[in-house]
Amino acid sequence: MSRRTLNLDDRLYKYVLDASLREHSALAELRAVTRDHQHAGMQISPEQGQLLALLVKLIGARRTIEVGVFTGYSALAVALALPADGRVLACDVSNEYTQVGRPYWQRAGVADKIDLVLQPALTTLDAKLADGEAERYDFAFIDADKTSYDAYYERCLRLLRGGGLIAIDNTLWGGEVAKPVDSLTDADTSALQALNLKLRDDERVDISLLPIGDGLTLARKR
């Protein structure tokens, strides 16, 4: 037993993957390709992708949202976890990054589940709200530009049904969010710090901030 989260050194982290990771071959191949990308640090960890897939199954999700696709690993992980009629609304602005993952979506047989929309995510989410799709989605994963996280969160909260789940990545931000407010010099850290405090006090959701990857906050809509 332990009263606090265990620190993972390289040896123990390797054990976590060896002892628990069930990774589809297309996911493993896409992760390997992304490892050499100039922005490889934007990729979520494999155990985080597996957690997202498990959460999607646990809540019986059919309609999901992803804000920030990068090379498509998380979208693929979620799509593989969805039933045959499930869908991922994948929001991104980069054709260059997302085209890396599309062949692997095809290879895994889930490309038809992923609706990739290449335009600012707020435009896409606002259009869905205008089309009367509030409370029509089950799950959302937010992993894009940090200064817009609050705006993404508010749109996704409106689009989710009661009992739906939002997962927000990078909420520990390499530990930078723990710095005193008056010492912060960048907008990303300030935005994440403010959002974490907002989520703590937001009575519309139940939350848990997990120290997995770079910090993952789960917010369940009440």
C-alpha atoms as a PDB file:
ATOM      1  CA  MET A   1       0.000   0.000   0.000  1.00  0.00           C
ATOM      2  CA  SER A   2       1.037   3.602  -0.517  1.00  0.00           C
ATOM      3  CA  ARG A   3      -0.320   6.959   0.536  1.00  0.00           C
ATOM      4  CA  ARG A   4       0.854   8.637  -2.689  1.00  0.00           C
ATOM      5  CA  THR A   5       1.410   7.795  -6.346  1.00  0.00           C
ATOM      6  CA  LEU A   6       4.513   5.753  -7.047  1.00  0.00           C
ATOM      7  CA  ASN A   7       7.263   7.374  -9.120  1.00  0.00           C
ATOM      8  CA  LEU A   8       8.113   5.460 -12.298  1.00  0.00           C
ATOM      9  CA  ASP A   9      11.739   5.077 -13.314  1.00  0.00           C
ATOM     10  CA  ASP A  10      12.586   3.610 -16.728  1.00  0.00           C
ATOM     11  CA  ARG A  11      12.748   0.065 -15.377  1.00  0.00           C
ATOM     12  CA  LEU A  12       9.328   0.224 -13.737  1.00  0.00           C
ATOM     13  CA  TYR A  13       7.771   2.020 -16.705  1.00  0.00           C
ATOM     14  CA  LYS A  14       8.995  -0.746 -19.013  1.00  0.00           C
ATOM     15  CA  TYR A  15       7.427  -3.252 -16.645  1.00  0.00           C
ATOM     16  CA  VAL A  16       4.095  -1.398 -16.811  1.00  0.00           C
ATOM     17  CA  LEU A  17       4.102  -1.713 -20.595  1.00  0.00           C
ATOM     18  CA  ASP A  18       5.357  -5.310 -20.613  1.00  0.00           C
ATOM     19  CA  ALA A  19       2.815  -6.424 -18.021  1.00  0.00           C
ATOM     20  CA  SER A  20      -0.291  -4.599 -19.263  1.00  0.00           C
ATOM     21  CA  LEU A  21      -0.107  -3.124 -22.754  1.00  0.00           C
ATOM     22  CA  ARG A  22      -2.432  -4.675 -25.346  1.00  0.00           C
ATOM     23  CA  GLU A  23      -1.633  -2.678 -28.451  1.00  0.00           C
ATOM     24  CA  HIS A  24      -3.159  -3.340 -31.866  1.00  0.00           C
ATOM     25  CA  SER A  25      -0.449  -3.791 -34.501  1.00  0.00           C
ATOM     26  CA  ALA A  26      -1.587  -0.655 -36.345  1.00  0.00           C
ATOM     27  CA  LEU A  27      -1.260   1.352 -33.119  1.00  0.00           C
ATOM     28  CA  ALA A  28       2.238   0.012 -32.516  1.00  0.00           C
ATOM     29  CA  GLU A  29       3.274   0.833 -36.089  1.00  0.00           C
ATOM     30  CA  LEU A  30       1.840   4.350 -35.924  1.00  0.00           C
ATOM     31  CA  ARG A  31       3.554   4.963 -32.581  1.00  0.00           C
ATOM     32  CA  ALA A  32       6.869   3.828 -34.082  1.00  0.00           C
ATOM     33  CA  VAL A  33       6.465   6.149 -37.078  1.00  0.00           C
ATOM     34  CA  THR A  34       5.529   9.072 -34.852  1.00  0.00           C
ATOM     35  CA  ARG A  35       8.592   8.500 -32.664  1.00  0.00           C
ATOM     36  CA  ASP A  36      10.744  10.012 -35.415  1.00  0.00           C
ATOM     37  CA  HIS A  37       8.448  13.006 -35.979  1.00  0.00           C
ATOM     38  CA  GLN A  38       9.907  16.439 -35.201  1.00  0.00           C
ATOM     39  CA  HIS A  39       7.040  17.003 -32.744  1.00  0.00           C
ATOM     40  CA  ALA A  40       7.021  13.489 -31.299  1.00  0.00           C
ATOM     41  CA  GLY A  41       6.497  14.916 -27.822  1.00  0.00           C
ATOM     42  CA  MET A  42       2.909  15.704 -28.764  1.00  0.00           C
ATOM     43  CA  GLN A  43       2.121  11.972 -28.933  1.00  0.00           C
ATOM     44  CA  ILE A  44       0.218  10.456 -26.009  1.00  0.00           C
ATOM     45  CA  SER A  45       1.738   7.443 -24.275  1.00  0.00           C
ATOM     46  CA  PRO A  46       0.524   3.944 -25.168  1.00  0.00           C
ATOM     47  CA  GLU A  47      -0.819   3.237 -21.688  1.00  0.00           C
ATOM     48  CA  GLN A  48      -2.779   6.477 -21.908  1.00  0.00           C
ATOM     49  CA  GLY A  49      -4.274   5.388 -25.222  1.00  0.00           C
ATOM     50  CA  GLN A  50      -5.232   2.072 -23.671  1.00  0.00           C
ATOM     51  CA  LEU A  51      -6.902   3.895 -20.769  1.00  0.00           C
ATOM     52  CA  LEU A  52      -8.941   6.042 -23.179  1.00  0.00           C
ATOM     53  CA  ALA A  53     -10.083   2.908 -24.991  1.00  0.00           C
ATOM     54  CA  LEU A  54     -11.113   1.269 -21.724  1.00  0.00           C
ATOM     55  CA  LEU A  55     -13.042   4.361 -20.613  1.00  0.00           C
ATOM     56  CA  VAL A  56     -14.897   4.473 -23.932  1.00  0.00           C
ATOM     57  CA  LYS A  57     -15.942   0.856 -23.444  1.00  0.00           C
ATOM     58  CA  LEU A  58     -16.884   1.359 -19.790  1.00  0.00           C
ATOM     59  CA  ILE A  59     -19.349   4.152 -20.565  1.00  0.00           C
ATOM     60  CA  GLY A  60     -20.712   2.425 -23.680  1.00  0.00           C
ATOM     61  CA  ALA A  61     -19.720   5.329 -25.912  1.00  0.00           C
ATOM     62  CA  ARG A  62     -20.885   5.453 -29.529  1.00  0.00           C
ATOM     63  CA  ARG A  63     -20.330   9.092 -30.501  1.00  0.00           C
ATOM     64  CA  THR A  64     -17.036  10.695 -29.481  1.00  0.00           C
ATOM     65  CA  ILE A  65     -15.097  13.905 -30.057  1.00  0.00           C
ATOM     66  CA  GLU A  66     -11.359  14.442 -30.344  1.00  0.00           C
ATOM     67  CA  VAL A  67      -9.921  17.947 -30.244  1.00  0.00           C
ATOM     68  CA  GLY A  68      -6.351  17.739 -31.505  1.00  0.00           C
ATOM     69  CA  VAL A  69      -5.474  14.698 -33.604  1.00  0.00           C
ATOM     70  CA  PHE A  70      -1.731  15.080 -34.356  1.00  0.00           C
ATOM     71  CA  THR A  71      -0.743  11.845 -36.167  1.00  0.00           C
ATOM     72  CA  GLY A  72      -3.886  10.021 -35.117  1.00  0.00           C
ATOM     73  CA  TYR A  73      -2.830   7.576 -32.387  1.00  0.00           C
ATOM     74  CA  SER A  74      -5.520   8.510 -29.870  1.00  0.00           C
ATOM     75  CA  ALA A  75      -8.221   8.655 -32.551  1.00  0.00           C
ATOM     76  CA  LEU A  76      -7.215   5.165 -33.638  1.00  0.00           C
ATOM     77  CA  ALA A  77      -7.214   3.847 -30.068  1.00  0.00           C
ATOM     78  CA  VAL A  78     -10.713   5.197 -29.468  1.00  0.00           C
ATOM     79  CA  ALA A  79     -12.061   4.067 -32.848  1.00  0.00           C
ATOM     80  CA  LEU A  80     -10.866   0.526 -32.188  1.00  0.00           C
ATOM     81  CA  ALA A  81     -12.769   0.539 -28.890  1.00  0.00           C
ATOM     82  CA  LEU A  82     -16.061   1.723 -30.396  1.00  0.00           C
ATOM     83  CA  PRO A  83     -18.833  -0.565 -31.630  1.00  0.00           C
ATOM     84  CA  ALA A  84     -19.336  -1.024 -35.372  1.00  0.00           C
ATOM     85  CA  ASP A  85     -21.653   1.992 -35.593  1.00  0.00           C
ATOM     86  CA  GLY A  86     -19.455   4.206 -33.393  1.00  0.00           C
ATOM     87  CA  ARG A  87     -17.954   7.447 -34.662  1.00  0.00           C
ATOM     88  CA  VAL A  88     -15.091   9.781 -33.784  1.00  0.00           C
ATOM     89  CA  LEU A  89     -15.466  13.456 -34.705  1.00  0.00           C
ATOM     90  CA  ALA A  90     -11.762  14.276 -35.101  1.00  0.00           C
ATOM     91  CA  CYS A  91     -10.931  18.003 -35.082  1.00  0.00           C
ATOM     92  CA  ASP A  92      -7.580  19.328 -36.264  1.00  0.00           C
ATOM     93  CA  VAL A  93      -6.097  22.012 -38.508  1.00  0.00           C
ATOM     94  CA  SER A  94      -3.099  20.134 -39.929  1.00  0.00           C
ATOM     95  CA  ASN A  95      -3.362  17.988 -43.022  1.00  0.00           C
ATOM     96  CA  GLU A  96       0.396  17.377 -42.775  1.00  0.00           C
ATOM     97  CA  TYR A  97       0.229  15.784 -39.320  1.00  0.00           C
ATOM     98  CA  THR A  98      -3.043  13.889 -39.693  1.00  0.00           C
ATOM     99  CA  GLN A  99      -2.100  12.313 -43.006  1.00  0.00           C
ATOM    100  CA  VAL A 100       0.598  10.353 -41.166  1.00  0.00           C
ATOM    101  CA  GLY A 101      -2.041   8.364 -39.335  1.00  0.00           C
ATOM    102  CA  ARG A 102      -4.679   7.851 -42.010  1.00  0.00           C
ATOM    103  CA  PRO A 103      -3.026   4.778 -43.596  1.00  0.00           C
ATOM    104  CA  TYR A 104      -2.978   3.135 -40.164  1.00  0.00           C
ATOM    105  CA  TRP A 105      -6.667   3.926 -39.648  1.00  0.00           C
ATOM    106  CA  GLN A 106      -7.266   2.117 -42.927  1.00  0.00           C
ATOM    107  CA  ARG A 107      -4.995  -0.769 -41.969  1.00  0.00           C
ATOM    108  CA  ALA A 108      -6.899  -1.247 -38.702  1.00  0.00           C
ATOM    109  CA  GLY A 109     -10.234  -1.221 -40.548  1.00  0.00           C
ATOM    110  CA  VAL A 110     -11.661   1.786 -38.672  1.00  0.00           C
ATOM    111  CA  ALA A 111     -11.145   4.673 -41.115  1.00  0.00           C
ATOM    112  CA  ASP A 112     -14.895   4.798 -41.718  1.00  0.00           C
ATOM    113  CA  LYS A 113     -15.447   5.451 -38.005  1.00  0.00           C
ATOM    114  CA  ILE A 114     -13.270   8.588 -37.963  1.00  0.00           C
ATOM    115  CA  ASP A 115     -14.743  11.800 -39.372  1.00  0.00           C
ATOM    116  CA  LEU A 116     -11.722  14.085 -39.730  1.00  0.00           C
ATOM    117  CA  VAL A 117     -12.581  17.780 -40.010  1.00  0.00           C
ATOM    118  CA  LEU A 118      -9.672  20.066 -40.891  1.00  0.00           C
ATOM    119  CA  GLN A 119     -10.582  23.498 -39.584  1.00  0.00           C
ATOM    120  CA  PRO A 120     -10.374  25.257 -36.205  1.00  0.00           C
ATOM    121  CA  ALA A 121     -12.009  23.005 -33.641  1.00  0.00           C
ATOM    122  CA  LEU A 122     -14.132  25.784 -32.169  1.00  0.00           C
ATOM    123  CA  THR A 123     -15.678  26.304 -35.605  1.00  0.00           C
ATOM    124  CA  THR A 124     -16.504  22.603 -35.832  1.00  0.00           C
ATOM    125  CA  LEU A 125     -17.873  22.352 -32.299  1.00  0.00           C
ATOM    126  CA  ASP A 126     -19.954  25.522 -32.619  1.00  0.00           C
ATOM    127  CA  ALA A 127     -21.416  24.185 -35.876  1.00  0.00           C
ATOM    128  CA  LYS A 128     -22.434  20.961 -34.127  1.00  0.00           C
ATOM    129  CA  LEU A 129     -24.129  22.949 -31.384  1.00  0.00           C
ATOM    130  CA  ALA A 130     -25.918  25.120 -33.964  1.00  0.00           C
ATOM    131  CA  ASP A 131     -27.126  21.932 -35.658  1.00  0.00           C
ATOM    132  CA  GLY A 132     -28.872  20.839 -32.463  1.00  0.00           C
ATOM    133  CA  GLU A 133     -26.334  18.218 -31.376  1.00  0.00           C
ATOM    134  CA  ALA A 134     -26.100  19.296 -27.739  1.00  0.00           C
ATOM    135  CA  GLU A 135     -26.084  16.272 -25.405  1.00  0.00           C
ATOM    136  CA  ARG A 136     -25.679  13.882 -28.368  1.00  0.00           C
ATOM    137  CA  TYR A 137     -22.119  12.752 -27.628  1.00  0.00           C
ATOM    138  CA  ASP A 138     -20.732  10.361 -25.038  1.00  0.00           C
ATOM    139  CA  PHE A 139     -17.006  11.077 -24.784  1.00  0.00           C
ATOM    140  CA  ALA A 140     -14.500  13.807 -25.651  1.00  0.00           C
ATOM    141  CA  PHE A 141     -10.704  13.929 -25.595  1.00  0.00           C
ATOM    142  CA  ILE A 142      -9.045  17.363 -25.562  1.00  0.00           C
ATOM    143  CA  ASP A 143      -5.376  17.555 -26.555  1.00  0.00           C
ATOM    144  CA  ALA A 144      -4.741  20.686 -28.630  1.00  0.00           C
ATOM    145  CA  ASP A 145      -3.584  24.290 -28.102  1.00  0.00           C
ATOM    146  CA  LYS A 146      -3.609  24.915 -24.387  1.00  0.00           C
ATOM    147  CA  THR A 147      -4.820  28.502 -24.402  1.00  0.00           C
ATOM    148  CA  SER A 148      -8.099  27.314 -25.968  1.00  0.00           C
ATOM    149  CA  TYR A 149      -8.641  24.424 -23.550  1.00  0.00           C
ATOM    150  CA  ASP A 150     -11.295  26.257 -21.544  1.00  0.00           C
ATOM    151  CA  ALA A 151     -13.267  27.067 -24.706  1.00  0.00           C
ATOM    152  CA  TYR A 152     -12.986  23.456 -25.908  1.00  0.00           C
ATOM    153  CA  TYR A 153     -14.086  22.203 -22.509  1.00  0.00           C
ATOM    154  CA  GLU A 154     -17.184  24.402 -22.463  1.00  0.00           C
ATOM    155  CA  ARG A 155     -18.258  23.311 -25.975  1.00  0.00           C
ATOM    156  CA  CYS A 156     -17.630  19.645 -25.267  1.00  0.00           C
ATOM    157  CA  LEU A 157     -19.542  19.850 -21.995  1.00  0.00           C
ATOM    158  CA  ARG A 158     -22.573  21.139 -23.879  1.00  0.00           C
ATOM    159  CA  LEU A 159     -22.237  18.466 -26.555  1.00  0.00           C
ATOM    160  CA  LEU A 160     -21.998  15.615 -24.035  1.00  0.00           C
ATOM    161  CA  ARG A 161     -24.960  13.820 -22.524  1.00  0.00           C
ATOM    162  CA  GLY A 162     -25.348  13.499 -18.782  1.00  0.00           C
ATOM    163  CA  GLY A 163     -22.938  10.821 -17.627  1.00  0.00           C
ATOM    164  CA  GLY A 164     -20.645  11.549 -20.570  1.00  0.00           C
ATOM    165  CA  LEU A 165     -16.913  11.872 -20.004  1.00  0.00           C
ATOM    166  CA  ILE A 166     -14.308  14.458 -21.008  1.00  0.00           C
ATOM    167  CA  ALA A 167     -10.609  13.532 -20.865  1.00  0.00           C
ATOM    168  CA  ILE A 168      -8.196  16.476 -20.885  1.00  0.00           C
ATOM    169  CA  ASP A 169      -4.505  15.887 -21.597  1.00  0.00           C
ATOM    170  CA  ASN A 170      -1.405  17.724 -20.307  1.00  0.00           C
ATOM    171  CA  THR A 171      -3.024  19.003 -17.125  1.00  0.00           C
ATOM    172  CA  LEU A 172       0.244  18.593 -15.187  1.00  0.00           C
ATOM    173  CA  TRP A 173       2.304  20.184 -17.998  1.00  0.00           C
ATOM    174  CA  GLY A 174       5.653  18.799 -16.944  1.00  0.00           C
ATOM    175  CA  GLY A 175       5.076  20.082 -13.419  1.00  0.00           C
ATOM    176  CA  GLU A 176       4.941  23.725 -14.553  1.00  0.00           C
ATOM    177  CA  VAL A 177       1.361  24.158 -13.272  1.00  0.00           C
ATOM    178  CA  ALA A 178       2.622  23.792  -9.689  1.00  0.00           C
ATOM    179  CA  LYS A 179       4.635  27.025  -9.919  1.00  0.00           C
ATOM    180  CA  PRO A 180       3.318  30.146  -8.146  1.00  0.00           C
ATOM    181  CA  VAL A 181       0.958  32.184 -10.287  1.00  0.00           C
ATOM    182  CA  ASP A 182       3.112  35.307 -10.060  1.00  0.00           C
ATOM    183  CA  SER A 183       6.112  33.417 -11.469  1.00  0.00           C
ATOM    184  CA  LEU A 184       4.425  32.211 -14.656  1.00  0.00           C
ATOM    185  CA  THR A 185       5.661  33.711 -17.902  1.00  0.00           C
ATOM    186  CA  ASP A 186       3.915  31.705 -20.617  1.00  0.00           C
ATOM    187  CA  ALA A 187       0.279  31.640 -21.676  1.00  0.00           C
ATOM    188  CA  ASP A 188       0.012  27.833 -21.940  1.00  0.00           C
ATOM    189  CA  THR A 189       0.946  27.221 -18.305  1.00  0.00           C
ATOM    190  CA  SER A 190      -1.317  30.030 -17.110  1.00  0.00           C
ATOM    191  CA  ALA A 191      -4.243  28.626 -19.109  1.00  0.00           C
ATOM    192  CA  LEU A 192      -3.756  25.107 -17.758  1.00  0.00           C
ATOM    193  CA  GLN A 193      -3.350  26.310 -14.194  1.00  0.00           C
ATOM    194  CA  ALA A 194      -6.551  28.357 -14.457  1.00  0.00           C
ATOM    195  CA  LEU A 195      -8.464  25.459 -16.007  1.00  0.00           C
ATOM    196  CA  ASN A 196      -7.335  23.038 -13.296  1.00  0.00           C
ATOM    197  CA  LEU A 197      -8.664  25.368 -10.610  1.00  0.00           C
ATOM    198  CA  LYS A 198     -11.889  25.893 -12.533  1.00  0.00           C
ATOM    199  CA  LEU A 199     -12.428  22.149 -12.871  1.00  0.00           C
ATOM    200  CA  ARG A 200     -11.781  21.640  -9.169  1.00  0.00           C
ATOM    201  CA  ASP A 201     -14.704  23.930  -8.356  1.00  0.00           C
ATOM    202  CA  ASP A 202     -17.019  23.124 -11.304  1.00  0.00           C
ATOM    203  CA  GLU A 203     -20.208  21.640  -9.842  1.00  0.00           C
ATOM    204  CA  ARG A 204     -21.343  20.502 -13.296  1.00  0.00           C
ATOM    205  CA  VAL A 205     -18.837  17.649 -13.281  1.00  0.00           C
ATOM    206  CA  ASP A 206     -17.164  15.008 -11.147  1.00  0.00           C
ATOM    207  CA  ILE A 207     -13.391  15.045 -11.670  1.00  0.00           C
ATOM    208  CA  SER A 208     -10.157  13.177 -11.140  1.00  0.00           C
ATOM    209  CA  LEU A 209      -6.711  14.425 -12.144  1.00  0.00           C
ATOM    210  CA  LEU A 210      -4.571  11.369 -12.873  1.00  0.00           C
ATOM    211  CA  PRO A 211      -0.740  11.496 -12.918  1.00  0.00           C
ATOM    212  CA  ILE A 212      -0.548   9.448 -16.106  1.00  0.00           C
ATOM    213  CA  GLY A 213       1.441  10.711 -19.086  1.00  0.00           C
ATOM    214  CA  ASP A 214       1.674  14.493 -18.694  1.00  0.00           C
ATOM    215  CA  GLY A 215      -1.421  14.565 -16.502  1.00  0.00           C
ATOM    216  CA  LEU A 216      -4.910  13.479 -17.559  1.00  0.00           C
ATOM    217  CA  THR A 217      -8.028  14.989 -16.040  1.00  0.00           C
ATOM    218  CA  LEU A 218     -11.295  13.083 -16.292  1.00  0.00           C
ATOM    219  CA  ALA A 219     -14.486  15.111 -15.966  1.00  0.00           C
ATOM    220  CA  ARG A 220     -17.843  13.298 -15.847  1.00  0.00           C
ATOM    221  CA  LYS A 221     -20.847  15.432 -16.715  1.00  0.00           C
ATOM    222  CA  ARG A 222     -23.448  15.276 -13.966  1.00  0.00           C
END
